[in-house]
Amino acid sequence: MRPLRIALLAAVFAPLAALRGQANYEIQVYPSETADKGSTFFELHSNFTGRGSTNSCVYSALNPCMFATDRQTHETLEITHGFSDIFEIGLYFFSSAGPGQGYQYVGSHIRPRIRAPEDWKLPVGLSLSTEFGFVKNGFDEGQWSMEFRPIIDKKVGAFYWSINPTVDWWFKGPDAGKGIKGTSLSPNVKISWDFSDKITAGFEYYGVTGSLVQMASPQEQEHLLYPAIDLNLSPDWEVNFGYGFNISGGGDRNIFKLILGRRLKF
């Protein structure tokens, strides 16, 4: 039965090969584990962009354009419920506030995720997250999109690593209708070390490298590195914070992020 299970899992991941980056709303490298059955996890993602775009375009329905991201603050409420031991569904509600922009609701996404069960006895943690939803005009060049995020991770003693090779596919916007050429590849990586029972520290990397079939120019790529700390206060709490700086390429930079999470049983 094990070869059949592996074949089924490969069939889930295969569409990725036939298919722009992670916006500063929910900056996180995912672990492979899913929420416990019957539990609900509430997370607040708070991110501040210290240095972003400064375009002076004033958005309106007759003059669509991108808001400046310089000194924007983003707040995202994420609610995730575990429906089984290996399956969860998450909901996102994005909001933004910036100089001269006021506080605005940006959009919402839904995210089902399934993971490989323990009895498969895989050498690594493995799961697949898919995310679908919209954002309002002015906050992204494309409005409706789908994200495919395979998640591979492993913990060895105090050392942990996770890889999320994320693919975005747009249904509305300048990249819509281009097939595989209109996709965006965003490799995300986390490595960390447990310095104590309460403190874990390491690095998170977020990049945008181009589409699945063509690398973007070095100036168009994005590469950010976040020294980050996780506070392991309780199994029911999540605290993660970090500061992202640009390694190379373009995009927003000098970003402070904070994640506060609380797990409840219903």
C-alpha atoms as a PDB file:
ATOM      1  CA  MET A   1       0.000   0.000   0.000  1.00  0.00           C
ATOM      2  CA  ARG A   2       2.879   2.378   0.627  1.00  0.00           C
ATOM      3  CA  PRO A   3       3.854   2.729  -3.090  1.00  0.00           C
ATOM      4  CA  LEU A   4       0.215   3.525  -3.865  1.00  0.00           C
ATOM      5  CA  ARG A   5       0.143   6.251  -1.181  1.00  0.00           C
ATOM      6  CA  ILE A   6       3.351   7.777  -2.502  1.00  0.00           C
ATOM      7  CA  ALA A   7       1.908   7.754  -6.019  1.00  0.00           C
ATOM      8  CA  LEU A   8      -1.216   9.524  -4.802  1.00  0.00           C
ATOM      9  CA  LEU A   9       0.851  12.186  -3.074  1.00  0.00           C
ATOM     10  CA  ALA A  10       2.923  12.682  -6.216  1.00  0.00           C
ATOM     11  CA  ALA A  11      -0.295  13.161  -8.169  1.00  0.00           C
ATOM     12  CA  VAL A  12      -1.236  16.007  -5.838  1.00  0.00           C
ATOM     13  CA  PHE A  13       2.092  17.768  -6.324  1.00  0.00           C
ATOM     14  CA  ALA A  14       2.432  17.093 -10.055  1.00  0.00           C
ATOM     15  CA  PRO A  15       0.243  20.032 -11.224  1.00  0.00           C
ATOM     16  CA  LEU A  16       2.864  22.397  -9.816  1.00  0.00           C
ATOM     17  CA  ALA A  17       5.197  21.490 -12.627  1.00  0.00           C
ATOM     18  CA  ALA A  18       2.573  22.633 -15.157  1.00  0.00           C
ATOM     19  CA  LEU A  19       1.614  25.741 -13.760  1.00  0.00           C
ATOM     20  CA  ARG A  20       4.301  37.108  -8.271  1.00  0.00           C
ATOM     21  CA  GLY A  21       5.715  36.758  -4.640  1.00  0.00           C
ATOM     22  CA  GLN A  22       4.570  36.818  -1.098  1.00  0.00           C
ATOM     23  CA  ALA A  23       3.180  40.257  -0.260  1.00  0.00           C
ATOM     24  CA  ASN A  24       3.961  41.873   3.072  1.00  0.00           C
ATOM     25  CA  TYR A  25       0.721  40.783   4.714  1.00  0.00           C
ATOM     26  CA  GLU A  26       1.460  37.292   5.976  1.00  0.00           C
ATOM     27  CA  ILE A  27       5.230  36.807   6.119  1.00  0.00           C
ATOM     28  CA  GLN A  28       5.750  33.268   7.304  1.00  0.00           C
ATOM     29  CA  VAL A  29       7.547  30.076   6.353  1.00  0.00           C
ATOM     30  CA  TYR A  30       5.064  27.284   7.008  1.00  0.00           C
ATOM     31  CA  PRO A  31       5.741  24.117   8.984  1.00  0.00           C
ATOM     32  CA  SER A  32       4.359  20.872   7.585  1.00  0.00           C
ATOM     33  CA  GLU A  33       2.170  20.128  10.613  1.00  0.00           C
ATOM     34  CA  THR A  34      -1.530  21.016  10.518  1.00  0.00           C
ATOM     35  CA  ALA A  35      -3.850  22.187  13.272  1.00  0.00           C
ATOM     36  CA  ASP A  36      -5.040  19.502  15.693  1.00  0.00           C
ATOM     37  CA  LYS A  37      -8.473  18.076  14.990  1.00  0.00           C
ATOM     38  CA  GLY A  38     -11.135  20.220  16.629  1.00  0.00           C
ATOM     39  CA  SER A  39      -8.774  23.107  17.435  1.00  0.00           C
ATOM     40  CA  THR A  40      -8.962  26.663  16.092  1.00  0.00           C
ATOM     41  CA  PHE A  41      -5.892  28.848  15.801  1.00  0.00           C
ATOM     42  CA  PHE A  42      -6.180  32.659  15.734  1.00  0.00           C
ATOM     43  CA  GLU A  43      -3.147  34.547  14.413  1.00  0.00           C
ATOM     44  CA  LEU A  44      -2.537  38.270  13.983  1.00  0.00           C
ATOM     45  CA  HIS A  45       0.190  39.130  11.471  1.00  0.00           C
ATOM     46  CA  SER A  46       1.509  42.706  11.851  1.00  0.00           C
ATOM     47  CA  ASN A  47       4.058  44.009   9.350  1.00  0.00           C
ATOM     48  CA  PHE A  48       5.560  47.480   8.836  1.00  0.00           C
ATOM     49  CA  THR A  49       7.443  48.418   5.645  1.00  0.00           C
ATOM     50  CA  GLY A  50      10.196  50.867   6.502  1.00  0.00           C
ATOM     51  CA  ARG A  51      11.256  51.363   2.909  1.00  0.00           C
ATOM     52  CA  GLY A  52       8.904  50.711   0.022  1.00  0.00           C
ATOM     53  CA  SER A  53       7.650  52.204  -3.202  1.00  0.00           C
ATOM     54  CA  THR A  54       7.002  55.968  -3.225  1.00  0.00           C
ATOM     55  CA  ASN A  55       4.915  56.371  -6.376  1.00  0.00           C
ATOM     56  CA  SER A  56       2.627  59.419  -6.172  1.00  0.00           C
ATOM     57  CA  CYS A  57      -0.235  57.955  -8.175  1.00  0.00           C
ATOM     58  CA  VAL A  58      -3.611  58.663  -6.559  1.00  0.00           C
ATOM     59  CA  TYR A  59      -5.814  55.612  -6.991  1.00  0.00           C
ATOM     60  CA  SER A  60      -9.403  55.875  -8.175  1.00  0.00           C
ATOM     61  CA  ALA A  61     -11.802  53.698 -10.128  1.00  0.00           C
ATOM     62  CA  LEU A  62     -10.991  55.726 -13.253  1.00  0.00           C
ATOM     63  CA  ASN A  63      -7.272  55.781 -12.557  1.00  0.00           C
ATOM     64  CA  PRO A  64      -6.238  52.355 -11.220  1.00  0.00           C
ATOM     65  CA  CYS A  65      -2.675  52.169  -9.952  1.00  0.00           C
ATOM     66  CA  MET A  66      -0.639  50.818  -7.067  1.00  0.00           C
ATOM     67  CA  PHE A  67      -0.624  52.578  -3.688  1.00  0.00           C
ATOM     68  CA  ALA A  68       2.802  53.523  -2.370  1.00  0.00           C
ATOM     69  CA  THR A  69       4.030  50.876   0.070  1.00  0.00           C
ATOM     70  CA  ASP A  70       6.541  53.097   1.876  1.00  0.00           C
ATOM     71  CA  ARG A  71       5.722  53.142   5.631  1.00  0.00           C
ATOM     72  CA  GLN A  72       2.625  51.002   5.107  1.00  0.00           C
ATOM     73  CA  THR A  73       1.374  48.960   8.051  1.00  0.00           C
ATOM     74  CA  HIS A  74      -0.364  45.654   7.299  1.00  0.00           C
ATOM     75  CA  GLU A  75      -2.573  43.693   9.667  1.00  0.00           C
ATOM     76  CA  THR A  76      -3.809  40.221   8.758  1.00  0.00           C
ATOM     77  CA  LEU A  77      -6.179  38.096  10.814  1.00  0.00           C
ATOM     78  CA  GLU A  78      -5.735  34.390  10.129  1.00  0.00           C
ATOM     79  CA  ILE A  79      -8.206  31.837  11.493  1.00  0.00           C
ATOM     80  CA  THR A  80      -7.329  28.153  11.026  1.00  0.00           C
ATOM     81  CA  HIS A  81      -9.419  25.153  12.050  1.00  0.00           C
ATOM     82  CA  GLY A  82      -8.327  21.518  12.109  1.00  0.00           C
ATOM     83  CA  PHE A  83     -10.993  19.289  10.576  1.00  0.00           C
ATOM     84  CA  SER A  84      -9.024  16.055  10.898  1.00  0.00           C
ATOM     85  CA  ASP A  85      -5.615  14.869  12.021  1.00  0.00           C
ATOM     86  CA  ILE A  86      -4.135  15.800   8.628  1.00  0.00           C
ATOM     87  CA  PHE A  87      -6.453  18.477   7.165  1.00  0.00           C
ATOM     88  CA  GLU A  88      -7.105  22.123   8.032  1.00  0.00           C
ATOM     89  CA  ILE A  89      -8.696  25.202   6.463  1.00  0.00           C
ATOM     90  CA  GLY A  90      -7.489  28.748   7.065  1.00  0.00           C
ATOM     91  CA  LEU A  91      -9.145  32.099   6.366  1.00  0.00           C
ATOM     92  CA  TYR A  92      -7.281  35.392   5.910  1.00  0.00           C
ATOM     93  CA  PHE A  93      -8.565  38.958   6.248  1.00  0.00           C
ATOM     94  CA  PHE A  94      -6.028  41.536   5.011  1.00  0.00           C
ATOM     95  CA  SER A  95      -5.953  45.228   5.949  1.00  0.00           C
ATOM     96  CA  SER A  96      -3.574  48.106   5.314  1.00  0.00           C
ATOM     97  CA  ALA A  97      -2.843  51.631   6.554  1.00  0.00           C
ATOM     98  CA  GLY A  98      -0.378  54.053   5.001  1.00  0.00           C
ATOM     99  CA  PRO A  99       0.458  57.763   4.898  1.00  0.00           C
ATOM    100  CA  GLY A 100      -2.412  59.573   3.188  1.00  0.00           C
ATOM    101  CA  GLN A 101      -4.231  56.276   2.528  1.00  0.00           C
ATOM    102  CA  GLY A 102      -6.169  55.689   5.733  1.00  0.00           C
ATOM    103  CA  TYR A 103      -7.117  52.269   7.055  1.00  0.00           C
ATOM    104  CA  GLN A 104      -8.504  49.942   4.379  1.00  0.00           C
ATOM    105  CA  TYR A 105      -9.741  46.394   4.060  1.00  0.00           C
ATOM    106  CA  VAL A 106      -7.573  44.803   1.354  1.00  0.00           C
ATOM    107  CA  GLY A 107      -9.082  41.372   0.662  1.00  0.00           C
ATOM    108  CA  SER A 108      -9.513  37.785   1.820  1.00  0.00           C
ATOM    109  CA  HIS A 109      -8.121  34.333   1.031  1.00  0.00           C
ATOM    110  CA  ILE A 110      -9.093  30.782   1.922  1.00  0.00           C
ATOM    111  CA  ARG A 111      -6.384  28.170   2.449  1.00  0.00           C
ATOM    112  CA  PRO A 112      -6.970  24.396   2.681  1.00  0.00           C
ATOM    113  CA  ARG A 113      -3.919  22.335   3.658  1.00  0.00           C
ATOM    114  CA  ILE A 114      -3.303  18.599   3.874  1.00  0.00           C
ATOM    115  CA  ARG A 115      -0.246  16.772   5.184  1.00  0.00           C
ATOM    116  CA  ALA A 116       1.210  13.302   4.910  1.00  0.00           C
ATOM    117  CA  PRO A 117       0.164  11.202   7.958  1.00  0.00           C
ATOM    118  CA  GLU A 118       2.738   9.830  10.402  1.00  0.00           C
ATOM    119  CA  ASP A 119       2.086   6.210   9.436  1.00  0.00           C
ATOM    120  CA  TRP A 120       3.618   6.897   6.026  1.00  0.00           C
ATOM    121  CA  LYS A 121       6.919   7.109   7.933  1.00  0.00           C
ATOM    122  CA  LEU A 122       8.446   9.649   5.561  1.00  0.00           C
ATOM    123  CA  PRO A 123      11.950  10.934   6.397  1.00  0.00           C
ATOM    124  CA  VAL A 124      10.678  14.552   6.293  1.00  0.00           C
ATOM    125  CA  GLY A 125       7.478  16.392   7.099  1.00  0.00           C
ATOM    126  CA  LEU A 126       5.410  16.949   3.967  1.00  0.00           C
ATOM    127  CA  SER A 127       2.242  18.926   3.279  1.00  0.00           C
ATOM    128  CA  LEU A 128       0.566  20.960   0.549  1.00  0.00           C
ATOM    129  CA  SER A 129      -1.105  24.313   1.079  1.00  0.00           C
ATOM    130  CA  THR A 130      -3.320  25.893  -1.582  1.00  0.00           C
ATOM    131  CA  GLU A 131      -4.597  29.440  -1.210  1.00  0.00           C
ATOM    132  CA  PHE A 132      -7.236  31.248  -3.264  1.00  0.00           C
ATOM    133  CA  GLY A 133      -8.776  34.706  -3.003  1.00  0.00           C
ATOM    134  CA  PHE A 134      -8.776  38.351  -3.997  1.00  0.00           C
ATOM    135  CA  VAL A 135      -7.232  41.694  -3.117  1.00  0.00           C
ATOM    136  CA  LYS A 136      -8.642  45.100  -3.989  1.00  0.00           C
ATOM    137  CA  ASN A 137      -7.367  47.282  -6.801  1.00  0.00           C
ATOM    138  CA  GLY A 138      -4.532  49.509  -5.671  1.00  0.00           C
ATOM    139  CA  PHE A 139      -2.853  46.843  -3.517  1.00  0.00           C
ATOM    140  CA  ASP A 140      -1.667  44.462  -6.213  1.00  0.00           C
ATOM    141  CA  GLU A 141      -1.442  44.451  -9.991  1.00  0.00           C
ATOM    142  CA  GLY A 142      -3.549  41.289 -10.010  1.00  0.00           C
ATOM    143  CA  GLN A 143      -6.736  40.866  -8.008  1.00  0.00           C
ATOM    144  CA  TRP A 144      -7.686  37.169  -8.087  1.00  0.00           C
ATOM    145  CA  SER A 145      -4.983  34.563  -7.557  1.00  0.00           C
ATOM    146  CA  MET A 146      -4.182  31.032  -6.425  1.00  0.00           C
ATOM    147  CA  GLU A 147      -1.102  29.949  -4.508  1.00  0.00           C
ATOM    148  CA  PHE A 148       0.426  26.462  -4.419  1.00  0.00           C
ATOM    149  CA  ARG A 149       2.836  25.900  -1.523  1.00  0.00           C
ATOM    150  CA  PRO A 150       4.529  22.527  -1.039  1.00  0.00           C
ATOM    151  CA  ILE A 151       6.032  22.355   2.461  1.00  0.00           C
ATOM    152  CA  ILE A 152       9.005  20.186   3.360  1.00  0.00           C
ATOM    153  CA  ASP A 153      10.558  20.354   6.825  1.00  0.00           C
ATOM    154  CA  LYS A 154      12.637  18.437   9.333  1.00  0.00           C
ATOM    155  CA  LYS A 155      13.653  18.778  12.970  1.00  0.00           C
ATOM    156  CA  VAL A 156      16.849  17.100  14.139  1.00  0.00           C
ATOM    157  CA  GLY A 157      17.483  17.707  17.819  1.00  0.00           C
ATOM    158  CA  ALA A 158      17.564  21.469  18.347  1.00  0.00           C
ATOM    159  CA  PHE A 159      17.984  22.188  14.612  1.00  0.00           C
ATOM    160  CA  TYR A 160      14.997  22.819  12.313  1.00  0.00           C
ATOM    161  CA  TRP A 161      14.623  23.619   8.626  1.00  0.00           C
ATOM    162  CA  SER A 162      11.654  24.215   6.330  1.00  0.00           C
ATOM    163  CA  ILE A 163      11.417  24.857   2.578  1.00  0.00           C
ATOM    164  CA  ASN A 164       8.331  26.366   0.875  1.00  0.00           C
ATOM    165  CA  PRO A 165       8.809  26.624  -2.941  1.00  0.00           C
ATOM    166  CA  THR A 166       5.706  28.750  -3.519  1.00  0.00           C
ATOM    167  CA  VAL A 167       4.020  29.220  -6.900  1.00  0.00           C
ATOM    168  CA  ASP A 168       1.460  31.992  -7.590  1.00  0.00           C
ATOM    169  CA  TRP A 169      -0.998  31.834 -10.468  1.00  0.00           C
ATOM    170  CA  TRP A 170      -3.086  34.910 -11.345  1.00  0.00           C
ATOM    171  CA  PHE A 171      -6.616  34.886 -12.766  1.00  0.00           C
ATOM    172  CA  LYS A 172      -7.040  38.660 -13.060  1.00  0.00           C
ATOM    173  CA  GLY A 173      -4.307  41.181 -13.797  1.00  0.00           C
ATOM    174  CA  PRO A 174      -1.449  41.712 -16.263  1.00  0.00           C
ATOM    175  CA  ASP A 175      -0.139  38.149 -15.810  1.00  0.00           C
ATOM    176  CA  ALA A 176      -3.524  36.463 -16.213  1.00  0.00           C
ATOM    177  CA  GLY A 177      -4.021  34.221 -19.242  1.00  0.00           C
ATOM    178  CA  LYS A 178      -0.283  33.714 -19.842  1.00  0.00           C
ATOM    179  CA  GLY A 179      -0.263  30.130 -18.656  1.00  0.00           C
ATOM    180  CA  ILE A 180       2.957  28.940 -17.109  1.00  0.00           C
ATOM    181  CA  LYS A 181       4.715  32.152 -18.207  1.00  0.00           C
ATOM    182  CA  GLY A 182       2.360  34.144 -15.980  1.00  0.00           C
ATOM    183  CA  THR A 183       3.297  32.302 -12.798  1.00  0.00           C
ATOM    184  CA  SER A 184       5.607  33.534 -10.070  1.00  0.00           C
ATOM    185  CA  LEU A 185       8.081  31.392  -8.144  1.00  0.00           C
ATOM    186  CA  SER A 186       8.824  32.457  -4.561  1.00  0.00           C
ATOM    187  CA  PRO A 187      11.217  30.180  -2.677  1.00  0.00           C
ATOM    188  CA  ASN A 188      10.891  30.612   1.106  1.00  0.00           C
ATOM    189  CA  VAL A 189      13.256  28.967   3.592  1.00  0.00           C
ATOM    190  CA  LYS A 190      13.602  28.864   7.386  1.00  0.00           C
ATOM    191  CA  ILE A 191      16.453  27.523   9.502  1.00  0.00           C
ATOM    192  CA  SER A 192      16.435  27.800  13.292  1.00  0.00           C
ATOM    193  CA  TRP A 193      17.989  26.497  16.486  1.00  0.00           C
ATOM    194  CA  ASP A 194      16.438  25.929  19.905  1.00  0.00           C
ATOM    195  CA  PHE A 195      18.668  27.905  22.259  1.00  0.00           C
ATOM    196  CA  SER A 196      16.427  26.954  25.193  1.00  0.00           C
ATOM    197  CA  ASP A 197      12.982  25.527  25.870  1.00  0.00           C
ATOM    198  CA  LYS A 198      11.560  29.039  25.424  1.00  0.00           C
ATOM    199  CA  ILE A 199      13.698  30.677  22.739  1.00  0.00           C
ATOM    200  CA  THR A 200      14.278  29.614  19.139  1.00  0.00           C
ATOM    201  CA  ALA A 201      16.240  31.855  16.770  1.00  0.00           C
ATOM    202  CA  GLY A 202      17.354  31.648  13.172  1.00  0.00           C
ATOM    203  CA  PHE A 203      16.847  33.062   9.711  1.00  0.00           C
ATOM    204  CA  GLU A 204      13.947  33.236   7.283  1.00  0.00           C
ATOM    205  CA  TYR A 205      14.509  33.877   3.589  1.00  0.00           C
ATOM    206  CA  TYR A 206      11.872  35.142   1.142  1.00  0.00           C
ATOM    207  CA  GLY A 207      12.560  35.479  -2.551  1.00  0.00           C
ATOM    208  CA  VAL A 208      10.889  36.145  -5.888  1.00  0.00           C
ATOM    209  CA  THR A 209      12.933  34.749  -8.754  1.00  0.00           C
ATOM    210  CA  GLY A 210      10.662  34.829 -11.821  1.00  0.00           C
ATOM    211  CA  SER A 211       8.236  32.403 -13.406  1.00  0.00           C
ATOM    212  CA  LEU A 212       8.492  28.623 -13.533  1.00  0.00           C
ATOM    213  CA  VAL A 213      10.006  28.792 -17.017  1.00  0.00           C
ATOM    214  CA  GLN A 214      12.060  32.014 -16.958  1.00  0.00           C
ATOM    215  CA  MET A 215      14.282  33.726 -14.423  1.00  0.00           C
ATOM    216  CA  ALA A 216      13.647  37.427 -13.907  1.00  0.00           C
ATOM    217  CA  SER A 217      16.485  39.904 -14.315  1.00  0.00           C
ATOM    218  CA  PRO A 218      18.568  40.494 -11.161  1.00  0.00           C
ATOM    219  CA  GLN A 219      16.961  43.934 -10.769  1.00  0.00           C
ATOM    220  CA  GLU A 220      13.447  42.456 -10.914  1.00  0.00           C
ATOM    221  CA  GLN A 221      14.125  39.673  -8.440  1.00  0.00           C
ATOM    222  CA  GLU A 222      13.569  40.059  -4.691  1.00  0.00           C
ATOM    223  CA  HIS A 223      15.724  38.522  -1.960  1.00  0.00           C
ATOM    224  CA  LEU A 224      15.076  39.347   1.692  1.00  0.00           C
ATOM    225  CA  LEU A 225      16.610  37.840   4.819  1.00  0.00           C
ATOM    226  CA  TYR A 226      14.897  37.991   8.210  1.00  0.00           C
ATOM    227  CA  PRO A 227      16.775  37.248  11.424  1.00  0.00           C
ATOM    228  CA  ALA A 228      13.817  35.943  13.452  1.00  0.00           C
ATOM    229  CA  ILE A 229      12.986  34.732  16.944  1.00  0.00           C
ATOM    230  CA  ASP A 230      10.248  32.356  18.104  1.00  0.00           C
ATOM    231  CA  LEU A 231       9.151  32.454  21.746  1.00  0.00           C
ATOM    232  CA  ASN A 232       7.861  29.086  22.917  1.00  0.00           C
ATOM    233  CA  LEU A 233       5.746  30.396  25.785  1.00  0.00           C
ATOM    234  CA  SER A 234       3.121  27.651  25.674  1.00  0.00           C
ATOM    235  CA  PRO A 235       1.779  25.003  23.270  1.00  0.00           C
ATOM    236  CA  ASP A 236      -1.297  27.237  22.913  1.00  0.00           C
ATOM    237  CA  TRP A 237       0.623  30.410  22.025  1.00  0.00           C
ATOM    238  CA  GLU A 238       2.725  31.465  19.041  1.00  0.00           C
ATOM    239  CA  VAL A 239       5.085  34.452  19.038  1.00  0.00           C
ATOM    240  CA  ASN A 240       7.366  35.141  16.070  1.00  0.00           C
ATOM    241  CA  PHE A 241       9.100  38.386  15.161  1.00  0.00           C
ATOM    242  CA  GLY A 242      11.864  39.457  12.823  1.00  0.00           C
ATOM    243  CA  TYR A 243      13.383  42.235  10.739  1.00  0.00           C
ATOM    244  CA  GLY A 244      13.800  41.820   6.993  1.00  0.00           C
ATOM    245  CA  PHE A 245      16.557  43.467   4.994  1.00  0.00           C
ATOM    246  CA  ASN A 246      17.313  43.328   1.303  1.00  0.00           C
ATOM    247  CA  ILE A 247      20.102  41.045   0.100  1.00  0.00           C
ATOM    248  CA  SER A 248      19.799  41.896  -3.588  1.00  0.00           C
ATOM    249  CA  GLY A 249      17.248  42.879  -6.215  1.00  0.00           C
ATOM    250  CA  GLY A 250      14.289  45.208  -5.784  1.00  0.00           C
ATOM    251  CA  GLY A 251      11.043  45.224  -3.843  1.00  0.00           C
ATOM    252  CA  ASP A 252      10.142  46.478  -0.384  1.00  0.00           C
ATOM    253  CA  ARG A 253      12.721  46.267   2.389  1.00  0.00           C
ATOM    254  CA  ASN A 254      13.420  47.138   6.029  1.00  0.00           C
ATOM    255  CA  ILE A 255      10.305  45.247   7.110  1.00  0.00           C
ATOM    256  CA  PHE A 256       9.447  44.490  10.714  1.00  0.00           C
ATOM    257  CA  LYS A 257       7.092  41.557  11.258  1.00  0.00           C
ATOM    258  CA  LEU A 258       5.290  40.213  14.296  1.00  0.00           C
ATOM    259  CA  ILE A 259       3.015  37.151  14.586  1.00  0.00           C
ATOM    260  CA  LEU A 260       0.861  36.556  17.663  1.00  0.00           C
ATOM    261  CA  GLY A 261      -1.176  33.344  17.759  1.00  0.00           C
ATOM    262  CA  ARG A 262      -3.551  31.666  20.198  1.00  0.00           C
ATOM    263  CA  ARG A 263      -4.866  28.103  19.918  1.00  0.00           C
ATOM    264  CA  LEU A 264      -8.331  27.280  21.273  1.00  0.00           C
ATOM    265  CA  LYS A 265     -10.409  24.107  21.449  1.00  0.00           C
ATOM    266  CA  PHE A 266     -13.978  24.150  20.159  1.00  0.00           C
END
